[in-house]
Amino acid sequence: MAVIHAALGEARDGRGGVVLVEGGAGLGKSRLLEEALSLAGRASVRAAMGRADIDDNVVPMAPLMSACFGGNAPLLDRDDLSALRALREDRYWVLLELEALLERAALQHPMLICLDDLQWADAGTLEALRVLPARLGSVPIVWIAAYRTGQASALLLRSVAELGEANATSLVLDPLDEDSVGRVTADLVNAQPGAALLEIADRAHGIPFLLIELLRGLLEEGLVRIDRAQAVLVEARLPSRVGDSMRERLDRVPAPARRAAVAASVLGRSFRFDDLATMLGMAPAALLEPVEELMRAEILADSGENLGFRHDIIRQAVLDSVPAAARRALDRQAAGVLLAAGAVPLEIATRLAASAGPGDEVAIATMHEAARALGPTDPGMASEFTRKALALTAARASGDGTRRRRSSPRRAPRGQSRADSGRPSGARTRDLHRAAPGSAGARCA
């Protein structure tokens, strides 16, 4: 906040400035801009916010126009909008007119213009960001532009680079470190967090938004209790509000990308591109677009060798959205894909133990092999895998016996021929006799 405070001081002294805020989703960019608006109000600087929208990025300069003409106390007179509408077909003249309007208003009163989520902004907004701060550098306007680095367009990166060359101040937001996570957790639960609570908080990977949503959800659902001045985790599960939030993010991507995310969540937090293509039955080339959509949405990340979920919480939320029966089938499919790709039995034995059905020969053999590998170092786990493999084998044998009993002919009562054993008392037609179970006609059919 010190950088923003200093920029607002410069504006009150009659000078403009630019602050560029970059970082991933959930790192606090929007919160920082909201605090900047509050700070501007206390410093008697007129301020407004405009946000780009992923679902509405076709209206020319919508975020900038919203900042300038929106709200209860717009920075510019709304009567001037008619002049801009008349010029809307020519961006050059729109920018010239907007420049003149902003200069006239800022000379009467310093301004702060915040533009958020510029990774989704239209070309007109990004062009305005590139040229207006430079032209209005001597005018008391502070511009704060926030964007997600991984989703920035080429035009946005060009604008940012030019602003940087013109002495814009850059703020890069990073995830919270371990100590900061502990302090935030203690503040929210109003007690010293226990080890289990800190462990689940660590699943947010230092992302402030995820961490706060996680902790608030745990408190709302009674999953944290205070025991002798320490916050103790009652149950280690993802609160509903976190899952709902993550699924809302997933719902914003196209259906093929959502299907890819579900298949990826079953493969693991980190997985090979080829394995994902196999899971979906797609050619690798056809999978490129869905994966790129998930990366732009910051659901997946590329580590160079593998793909993976950006946060464990996102993966867990996707997994939780899959019905239990489908999850088991997908787990078994993923185990087969990984085995075929060369995974060692020990790596997928646990997955198979949870997903395999009776008579699954591959699963039985894999768990026996994993048990042999674990025997010298972890006899308890080895015994568990052996027990599960034997249970699947026994269930198969039981099922086979049941099927044999159902298919074998019934024994005829003593004194009655086998051919008559299926005939009920009373007369029957020959056709019905031939169809009767266990009758000679039925066996000869």
Protein backbone atom coordinates (compact mmCIF):
# COMPACT_ATOMS: atom_id res chain seq x y z
CA MET A 1 0.00 0.00 0.00
CA ALA A 2 2.98 2.29 0.44
CA VAL A 3 3.44 2.51 -3.35
CA ILE A 4 -0.19 3.46 -3.88
CA HIS A 5 -0.12 5.94 -1.02
CA ALA A 6 2.91 7.61 -2.58
CA ALA A 7 1.25 7.74 -6.02
CA LEU A 8 -1.84 9.40 -4.56
CA GLY A 9 0.41 11.96 -2.85
CA GLU A 10 1.99 12.72 -6.21
CA ALA A 11 -1.47 13.23 -7.71
CA ARG A 12 -2.39 15.71 -4.97
CA ASP A 13 0.80 17.57 -5.88
CA GLY A 14 -0.32 17.74 -9.52
CA ARG A 15 1.56 14.79 -11.05
CA GLY A 16 0.26 11.57 -12.58
CA GLY A 17 1.53 8.02 -12.27
CA VAL A 18 0.97 4.40 -13.26
CA VAL A 19 1.00 1.30 -11.04
CA LEU A 20 0.92 -2.15 -12.66
CA VAL A 21 -0.31 -5.01 -10.45
CA GLU A 22 0.30 -8.55 -11.67
CA GLY A 23 -0.25 -11.96 -10.15
CA GLY A 24 -2.22 -15.18 -10.39
CA ALA A 25 -5.86 -15.75 -9.53
CA GLY A 26 -6.74 -15.29 -5.88
CA LEU A 27 -3.55 -13.47 -4.88
CA GLY A 28 -5.34 -10.28 -3.87
CA LYS A 29 -5.21 -7.97 -6.89
CA SER A 30 -8.87 -6.99 -6.68
CA ARG A 31 -8.65 -6.54 -2.92
CA LEU A 32 -5.63 -4.27 -3.39
CA LEU A 33 -7.56 -2.11 -5.85
CA GLU A 34 -10.52 -1.87 -3.47
CA GLU A 35 -8.16 -0.72 -0.71
CA ALA A 36 -6.70 1.82 -3.13
CA LEU A 37 -10.20 3.24 -3.71
CA SER A 38 -10.70 3.59 0.06
CA LEU A 39 -7.30 5.20 0.46
CA ALA A 40 -8.09 7.66 -2.35
CA GLY A 41 -11.32 8.67 -0.62
CA ARG A 42 -9.44 9.47 2.58
CA ALA A 43 -6.88 11.45 0.54
CA SER A 44 -9.61 13.53 -1.20
CA VAL A 45 -8.77 12.01 -4.60
CA ARG A 46 -11.73 11.17 -6.82
CA ALA A 47 -11.62 7.47 -7.71
CA ALA A 48 -13.43 4.87 -9.78
CA MET A 49 -13.06 1.22 -10.82
CA GLY A 50 -13.65 -0.56 -14.10
CA ARG A 51 -13.43 -4.34 -14.56
CA ALA A 52 -13.08 -6.45 -17.69
CA ASP A 53 -15.43 -9.43 -17.93
CA ILE A 54 -14.53 -12.76 -19.47
CA ASP A 55 -18.12 -13.14 -20.73
CA ASP A 56 -18.44 -9.61 -22.13
CA ASN A 57 -15.30 -8.40 -23.83
CA VAL A 58 -16.77 -7.23 -27.14
CA VAL A 59 -18.04 -3.79 -26.06
CA PRO A 60 -15.28 -1.34 -27.02
CA MET A 61 -13.48 0.14 -23.99
CA ALA A 62 -16.19 -1.12 -21.61
CA PRO A 63 -13.95 -1.23 -18.47
CA LEU A 64 -12.58 2.28 -19.07
CA MET A 65 -15.98 3.75 -19.90
CA SER A 66 -17.40 2.16 -16.77
CA ALA A 67 -14.65 3.76 -14.68
CA CYS A 68 -15.11 7.17 -16.25
CA PHE A 69 -18.89 7.38 -16.54
CA GLY A 70 -20.26 4.76 -14.12
CA GLY A 71 -21.29 4.89 -10.48
CA ASN A 72 -23.14 7.46 -8.42
CA ALA A 73 -20.36 10.04 -8.76
CA PRO A 74 -18.83 9.55 -12.23
CA LEU A 75 -15.40 11.01 -12.96
CA LEU A 76 -16.66 12.53 -16.21
CA ASP A 77 -19.93 14.20 -17.11
CA ARG A 78 -22.32 11.65 -18.63
CA ASP A 79 -23.51 14.27 -21.10
CA ASP A 80 -20.13 13.91 -22.83
CA LEU A 81 -20.91 10.27 -23.66
CA SER A 82 -22.95 11.34 -26.69
CA ALA A 83 -19.89 12.91 -28.29
CA LEU A 84 -17.90 9.71 -27.75
CA ARG A 85 -20.71 7.54 -29.15
CA ALA A 86 -20.68 9.62 -32.33
CA LEU A 87 -16.99 8.80 -32.73
CA ARG A 88 -17.14 5.13 -31.71
CA GLU A 89 -16.29 3.85 -35.19
CA ASP A 90 -12.90 5.59 -35.07
CA ARG A 91 -10.80 4.65 -32.04
CA TYR A 92 -8.20 7.34 -32.74
CA TRP A 93 -10.71 10.17 -32.35
CA VAL A 94 -12.40 8.50 -29.37
CA LEU A 95 -9.06 8.41 -27.56
CA LEU A 96 -8.34 12.04 -28.43
CA GLU A 97 -11.74 13.15 -27.10
CA LEU A 98 -11.39 11.00 -23.97
CA GLU A 99 -7.93 12.44 -23.36
CA ALA A 100 -9.30 15.97 -23.48
CA LEU A 101 -12.19 15.12 -21.13
CA LEU A 102 -9.90 13.45 -18.58
CA GLU A 103 -7.39 16.30 -18.67
CA ARG A 104 -10.04 18.93 -18.07
CA ALA A 105 -11.61 16.99 -15.17
CA ALA A 106 -8.28 16.07 -13.51
CA LEU A 107 -7.06 19.67 -13.55
CA GLN A 108 -10.07 20.52 -11.40
CA HIS A 109 -9.60 17.55 -9.04
CA PRO A 110 -6.97 14.73 -8.93
CA MET A 111 -8.17 11.26 -9.94
CA LEU A 112 -7.52 7.57 -9.45
CA ILE A 113 -8.61 5.18 -12.22
CA CYS A 114 -8.43 1.46 -11.37
CA LEU A 115 -8.76 -1.13 -14.13
CA ASP A 116 -9.05 -4.75 -13.01
CA ASP A 117 -8.89 -8.15 -14.76
CA LEU A 118 -7.28 -6.67 -17.86
CA GLN A 119 -6.35 -10.14 -19.07
CA TRP A 120 -9.94 -10.22 -20.40
CA ALA A 121 -10.05 -6.65 -21.73
CA ASP A 122 -10.93 -5.74 -25.31
CA ALA A 123 -8.39 -4.28 -27.72
CA GLY A 124 -9.78 -0.73 -27.31
CA THR A 125 -9.26 -0.73 -23.55
CA LEU A 126 -5.71 -2.04 -23.92
CA GLU A 127 -4.90 0.56 -26.55
CA ALA A 128 -6.26 3.28 -24.25
CA LEU A 129 -4.09 1.91 -21.41
CA ARG A 130 -1.07 2.11 -23.68
CA VAL A 131 -1.54 5.71 -24.87
CA LEU A 132 -3.59 7.72 -22.34
CA PRO A 133 -1.30 7.47 -19.28
CA ALA A 134 1.65 8.49 -21.43
CA ARG A 135 -0.18 11.47 -22.93
CA LEU A 136 -1.58 12.53 -19.56
CA GLY A 137 1.60 12.03 -17.55
CA SER A 138 1.73 15.65 -16.43
CA VAL A 139 -1.92 15.58 -15.32
CA PRO A 140 -2.85 14.43 -11.76
CA ILE A 141 -4.30 11.04 -12.69
CA VAL A 142 -3.12 7.82 -11.04
CA TRP A 143 -3.74 4.71 -13.13
CA ILE A 144 -3.70 1.28 -11.47
CA ALA A 145 -3.95 -1.65 -13.87
CA ALA A 146 -4.27 -5.22 -12.58
CA TYR A 147 -4.01 -8.43 -14.58
CA ARG A 148 -3.17 -12.12 -14.41
CA THR A 149 0.25 -12.73 -15.89
CA GLY A 150 -0.45 -16.22 -17.25
CA GLN A 151 -3.54 -15.10 -19.16
CA ALA A 152 -2.24 -11.80 -20.54
CA SER A 153 -2.77 -11.23 -24.26
CA ALA A 154 0.01 -10.08 -26.57
CA LEU A 155 -1.56 -6.61 -26.77
CA LEU A 156 -1.73 -6.34 -22.97
CA LEU A 157 1.89 -7.39 -22.63
CA ARG A 158 2.88 -4.79 -25.23
CA SER A 159 1.00 -2.07 -23.34
CA VAL A 160 2.55 -3.13 -20.04
CA ALA A 161 6.04 -3.16 -21.56
CA GLU A 162 5.65 0.36 -22.93
CA LEU A 163 4.29 1.64 -19.62
CA GLY A 164 7.23 0.02 -17.85
CA GLU A 165 9.65 1.82 -20.13
CA ALA A 166 7.86 5.05 -19.22
CA ASN A 167 8.65 4.49 -15.52
CA ALA A 168 5.45 2.78 -14.38
CA THR A 169 5.75 1.10 -10.98
CA SER A 170 5.26 -2.70 -11.02
CA LEU A 171 3.87 -4.70 -8.11
CA VAL A 172 4.10 -8.50 -8.35
CA LEU A 173 1.88 -10.36 -5.89
CA ASP A 174 3.26 -13.72 -4.73
CA PRO A 175 1.68 -16.49 -2.62
CA LEU A 176 1.88 -16.17 1.16
CA ASP A 177 4.82 -17.86 2.85
CA GLU A 178 4.39 -20.43 5.63
CA ASP A 179 4.59 -17.91 8.47
CA SER A 180 2.02 -15.63 6.81
CA VAL A 181 -0.37 -18.55 6.31
CA GLY A 182 -0.06 -19.34 10.01
CA ARG A 183 -0.78 -15.74 11.00
CA VAL A 184 -3.81 -15.46 8.70
CA THR A 185 -5.14 -18.76 10.04
CA ALA A 186 -4.71 -17.66 13.65
CA ASP A 187 -6.45 -14.34 12.95
CA LEU A 188 -9.46 -15.95 11.28
CA VAL A 189 -10.04 -18.73 13.82
CA ASN A 190 -9.13 -16.43 16.74
CA ALA A 191 -6.83 -19.03 18.30
CA GLN A 192 -3.49 -20.69 17.81
CA PRO A 193 -4.00 -23.24 14.98
CA GLY A 194 -3.18 -26.89 15.63
CA ALA A 195 -0.97 -28.98 13.36
CA ALA A 196 -3.87 -30.62 11.49
CA LEU A 197 -5.50 -27.26 10.79
CA LEU A 198 -2.23 -25.83 9.49
CA GLU A 199 -1.82 -28.89 7.30
CA ILE A 200 -5.19 -28.40 5.61
CA ALA A 201 -4.54 -24.64 5.36
CA ASP A 202 -1.35 -25.47 3.48
CA ARG A 203 -3.50 -26.98 0.71
CA ALA A 204 -4.36 -23.42 -0.35
CA HIS A 205 -0.70 -23.06 -1.46
CA GLY A 206 -0.50 -19.58 -0.03
CA ILE A 207 -3.30 -18.19 -2.20
CA PRO A 208 -5.08 -15.66 0.05
CA PHE A 209 -8.51 -16.07 -1.55
CA LEU A 210 -8.42 -19.87 -1.32
CA LEU A 211 -7.06 -19.76 2.23
CA ILE A 212 -9.75 -17.40 3.50
CA GLU A 213 -12.53 -19.32 1.72
CA LEU A 214 -11.20 -22.57 3.17
CA LEU A 215 -10.97 -21.28 6.74
CA ARG A 216 -14.35 -19.54 6.67
CA GLY A 217 -15.93 -22.68 5.27
CA LEU A 218 -14.38 -24.82 8.01
CA LEU A 219 -15.74 -22.43 10.66
CA GLU A 220 -19.22 -22.23 9.09
CA GLU A 221 -19.57 -26.02 8.96
CA GLY A 222 -18.32 -26.60 12.48
CA LEU A 223 -15.16 -28.36 11.35
CA VAL A 224 -12.95 -26.37 13.74
CA ARG A 225 -13.34 -26.28 17.54
CA ILE A 226 -11.35 -24.47 20.21
CA ASP A 227 -9.74 -26.81 22.71
CA ARG A 228 -7.65 -25.20 25.48
CA ALA A 229 -6.94 -22.06 23.43
CA GLN A 230 -5.96 -24.08 20.35
CA ALA A 231 -7.97 -24.37 17.11
CA VAL A 232 -8.40 -28.08 16.43
CA LEU A 233 -9.55 -29.56 13.12
CA VAL A 234 -12.59 -31.80 13.67
CA GLU A 235 -12.69 -33.36 10.20
CA ALA A 236 -10.26 -32.98 7.30
CA ARG A 237 -12.57 -32.34 4.36
CA LEU A 238 -13.19 -29.56 1.87
CA PRO A 239 -16.00 -27.20 2.98
CA SER A 240 -18.95 -26.85 0.63
CA ARG A 241 -18.35 -23.15 -0.07
CA VAL A 242 -14.84 -23.88 -1.38
CA GLY A 243 -16.06 -26.64 -3.66
CA ASP A 244 -18.87 -24.43 -4.93
CA SER A 245 -16.43 -21.59 -5.64
CA MET A 246 -14.06 -23.84 -7.56
CA ARG A 247 -16.89 -25.40 -9.55
CA GLU A 248 -18.11 -21.92 -10.50
CA ARG A 249 -14.68 -21.27 -11.95
CA LEU A 250 -14.82 -24.57 -13.83
CA ASP A 251 -18.29 -23.75 -15.18
CA ARG A 252 -16.85 -20.73 -16.99
CA VAL A 253 -14.80 -22.88 -19.37
CA PRO A 254 -16.29 -24.74 -22.38
CA ALA A 255 -17.69 -28.27 -21.96
CA PRO A 256 -14.69 -30.07 -23.57
CA ALA A 257 -12.37 -28.33 -21.09
CA ARG A 258 -14.62 -29.33 -18.17
CA ARG A 259 -14.53 -32.98 -19.29
CA ALA A 260 -10.75 -32.78 -19.54
CA ALA A 261 -10.56 -31.35 -16.02
CA VAL A 262 -12.62 -34.24 -14.61
CA ALA A 263 -10.43 -36.84 -16.32
CA ALA A 264 -7.29 -35.01 -15.19
CA SER A 265 -8.46 -34.89 -11.57
CA VAL A 266 -8.69 -38.69 -11.54
CA LEU A 267 -5.18 -39.12 -12.98
CA GLY A 268 -3.64 -37.13 -10.13
CA ARG A 269 -2.34 -33.70 -9.24
CA SER A 270 0.40 -34.11 -11.86
CA PHE A 271 -0.05 -36.14 -15.04
CA ARG A 272 1.22 -36.65 -18.57
CA PHE A 273 -0.52 -35.03 -21.52
CA ASP A 274 -0.56 -38.38 -23.35
CA ASP A 275 -2.26 -40.12 -20.41
CA LEU A 276 -4.99 -37.48 -20.37
CA ALA A 277 -5.54 -37.94 -24.11
CA THR A 278 -5.85 -41.72 -23.57
CA MET A 279 -8.34 -41.24 -20.73
CA LEU A 280 -10.54 -39.11 -23.00
CA GLY A 281 -10.06 -41.28 -26.09
CA MET A 282 -8.78 -38.25 -27.99
CA ALA A 283 -5.87 -37.61 -30.30
CA PRO A 284 -3.29 -35.35 -28.62
CA ALA A 285 -3.86 -32.65 -31.23
CA ALA A 286 -7.58 -32.53 -30.40
CA LEU A 287 -6.81 -32.11 -26.71
CA LEU A 288 -4.69 -28.98 -27.18
CA GLU A 289 -7.57 -26.50 -27.12
CA PRO A 290 -9.30 -27.86 -23.95
CA VAL A 291 -5.97 -27.91 -22.10
CA GLU A 292 -5.16 -24.36 -23.21
CA GLU A 293 -8.60 -23.25 -21.92
CA LEU A 294 -7.87 -24.82 -18.52
CA MET A 295 -4.45 -23.17 -18.39
CA ARG A 296 -5.90 -19.75 -19.27
CA ALA A 297 -8.43 -20.22 -16.48
CA GLU A 298 -5.52 -21.04 -14.14
CA ILE A 299 -6.99 -24.44 -13.33
CA LEU A 300 -4.05 -26.33 -14.83
CA ALA A 301 -0.39 -25.38 -15.05
CA ASP A 302 2.48 -26.65 -17.21
CA SER A 303 5.61 -27.70 -15.34
CA GLY A 304 7.59 -28.40 -18.51
CA GLU A 305 7.42 -32.19 -18.33
CA ASN A 306 3.92 -32.72 -16.98
CA LEU A 307 0.64 -30.90 -16.56
CA GLY A 308 -0.89 -30.44 -13.15
CA PHE A 309 -3.55 -28.67 -11.13
CA ARG A 310 -2.50 -25.26 -9.96
CA HIS A 311 -3.92 -25.93 -6.49
CA ASP A 312 -4.84 -29.12 -4.65
CA ILE A 313 -8.11 -27.50 -3.62
CA ILE A 314 -9.16 -27.08 -7.25
CA ARG A 315 -8.45 -30.74 -7.99
CA GLN A 316 -10.35 -31.88 -4.90
CA ALA A 317 -13.33 -29.72 -5.83
CA VAL A 318 -13.43 -31.26 -9.31
CA LEU A 319 -13.19 -34.76 -7.84
CA ASP A 320 -15.99 -34.04 -5.39
CA SER A 321 -18.26 -33.04 -8.29
CA VAL A 322 -18.11 -36.58 -9.75
CA PRO A 323 -20.80 -39.08 -8.56
CA ALA A 324 -19.36 -41.91 -6.46
CA ALA A 325 -20.19 -44.67 -8.97
CA ALA A 326 -18.63 -42.71 -11.83
CA ARG A 327 -15.61 -41.85 -9.69
CA ARG A 328 -14.90 -45.53 -9.05
CA ALA A 329 -15.17 -46.39 -12.74
CA LEU A 330 -12.92 -43.47 -13.67
CA ASP A 331 -10.39 -44.46 -11.02
CA ARG A 332 -10.22 -47.95 -12.50
CA GLN A 333 -9.84 -46.55 -16.00
CA ALA A 334 -7.05 -44.24 -14.84
CA ALA A 335 -5.25 -47.16 -13.20
CA GLY A 336 -5.33 -49.04 -16.49
CA VAL A 337 -4.03 -46.03 -18.39
CA LEU A 338 -1.17 -45.55 -15.94
CA LEU A 339 -0.28 -49.26 -15.95
CA ALA A 340 -0.21 -49.29 -19.73
CA ALA A 341 2.03 -46.22 -19.66
CA GLY A 342 4.58 -48.05 -17.49
CA ALA A 343 3.59 -47.18 -13.92
CA VAL A 344 4.97 -49.63 -11.36
CA PRO A 345 2.37 -51.65 -9.41
CA LEU A 346 3.24 -49.96 -6.14
CA GLU A 347 2.25 -46.56 -7.54
CA ILE A 348 -1.33 -47.54 -8.35
CA ALA A 349 -2.08 -50.40 -5.95
CA THR A 350 -4.00 -48.12 -3.59
CA ARG A 351 -6.07 -46.77 -6.47
CA LEU A 352 -6.88 -50.32 -7.60
CA ALA A 353 -7.76 -51.43 -4.08
CA ALA A 354 -10.45 -48.75 -3.99
CA SER A 355 -11.81 -49.14 -7.52
CA ALA A 356 -11.39 -52.75 -8.70
CA GLY A 357 -14.35 -55.13 -8.82
CA PRO A 358 -14.59 -58.90 -8.24
CA GLY A 359 -12.58 -60.95 -10.70
CA ASP A 360 -10.43 -58.04 -11.92
CA GLU A 361 -7.41 -60.13 -12.86
CA VAL A 362 -5.16 -57.15 -13.56
CA ALA A 363 -5.99 -55.56 -10.22
CA ILE A 364 -5.49 -58.84 -8.33
CA ALA A 365 -2.09 -59.46 -9.93
CA THR A 366 -1.01 -55.84 -9.41
CA MET A 367 -1.88 -55.85 -5.71
CA HIS A 368 -0.09 -59.16 -5.16
CA GLU A 369 2.99 -57.69 -6.85
CA ALA A 370 2.76 -54.52 -4.74
CA ALA A 371 2.46 -56.67 -1.60
CA ARG A 372 5.65 -58.56 -2.49
CA ALA A 373 7.49 -55.27 -3.04
CA LEU A 374 6.29 -53.84 0.29
CA GLY A 375 6.83 -56.99 2.33
CA PRO A 376 10.36 -56.26 3.58
CA THR A 377 9.71 -52.62 4.51
CA ASP A 378 5.98 -52.30 5.30
CA PRO A 379 4.46 -55.69 6.15
CA GLY A 380 1.25 -54.09 7.40
CA MET A 381 0.48 -52.43 4.07
CA ALA A 382 1.65 -55.53 2.20
CA SER A 383 -0.83 -57.59 4.22
CA GLU A 384 -3.61 -55.13 3.40
CA PHE A 385 -2.98 -55.41 -0.35
CA THR A 386 -2.85 -59.21 -0.12
CA ARG A 387 -6.12 -59.25 1.82
CA LYS A 388 -7.83 -57.05 -0.79
CA ALA A 389 -6.53 -59.18 -3.65
CA LEU A 390 -7.80 -62.35 -1.95
CA ALA A 391 -11.17 -60.69 -1.32
CA LEU A 392 -11.52 -59.89 -5.02
CA THR A 393 -10.53 -63.46 -5.88
CA ALA A 394 -13.01 -64.92 -3.38
CA ALA A 395 -15.77 -62.66 -4.63
CA ARG A 396 -15.07 -63.84 -8.16
CA ALA A 397 -15.18 -67.50 -7.10
CA SER A 398 -18.42 -66.93 -5.20
CA GLY A 399 -19.94 -65.26 -8.21
CA ASP A 400 -18.84 -68.11 -10.47
CA GLY A 401 -20.40 -70.67 -8.10
CA THR A 402 -23.68 -68.78 -8.03
CA ARG A 403 -23.78 -68.66 -11.81
CA ARG A 404 -23.06 -72.41 -12.04
CA ARG A 405 -25.87 -73.22 -9.61
CA ARG A 406 -28.27 -71.05 -11.56
CA SER A 407 -27.37 -72.70 -14.85
CA SER A 408 -27.35 -76.39 -13.65
CA PRO A 409 -30.52 -78.52 -14.12
CA ARG A 410 -32.59 -79.26 -11.04
CA ARG A 411 -32.35 -82.76 -9.62
CA ALA A 412 -35.53 -84.78 -10.18
CA PRO A 413 -37.33 -86.14 -7.10
CA ARG A 414 -36.80 -89.84 -6.41
CA GLY A 415 -39.00 -91.95 -8.61
CA GLN A 416 -39.48 -89.23 -11.17
CA SER A 417 -37.60 -89.15 -14.44
CA ARG A 418 -35.38 -86.12 -15.17
CA ALA A 419 -37.45 -85.52 -18.29
CA ASP A 420 -40.59 -85.11 -16.13
CA SER A 421 -38.98 -83.12 -13.32
CA GLY A 422 -39.92 -79.76 -14.75
CA ARG A 423 -43.52 -80.69 -15.65
CA PRO A 424 -46.13 -79.27 -13.29
CA SER A 425 -49.15 -81.26 -12.27
CA GLY A 426 -52.00 -81.06 -14.74
CA ALA A 427 -51.95 -80.99 -18.50
CA ARG A 428 -49.61 -78.68 -20.41
CA THR A 429 -49.19 -77.99 -24.03
CA ARG A 430 -46.18 -79.46 -25.74
CA ASP A 431 -44.80 -75.99 -26.43
CA LEU A 432 -44.91 -75.01 -22.80
CA HIS A 433 -43.28 -78.30 -21.82
CA ARG A 434 -40.43 -77.68 -24.26
CA ALA A 435 -39.79 -74.25 -22.73
CA ALA A 436 -39.88 -75.41 -19.11
CA PRO A 437 -36.52 -75.09 -17.24
CA GLY A 438 -34.80 -78.40 -16.84
CA SER A 439 -37.09 -80.27 -19.23
CA ALA A 440 -35.76 -82.50 -21.98
CA GLY A 441 -37.24 -80.20 -24.56
CA ALA A 442 -35.47 -77.22 -23.10
CA ARG A 443 -32.13 -79.04 -23.06
CA CYS A 444 -32.47 -80.14 -26.64
CA ALA A 445 -33.52 -76.75 -27.95
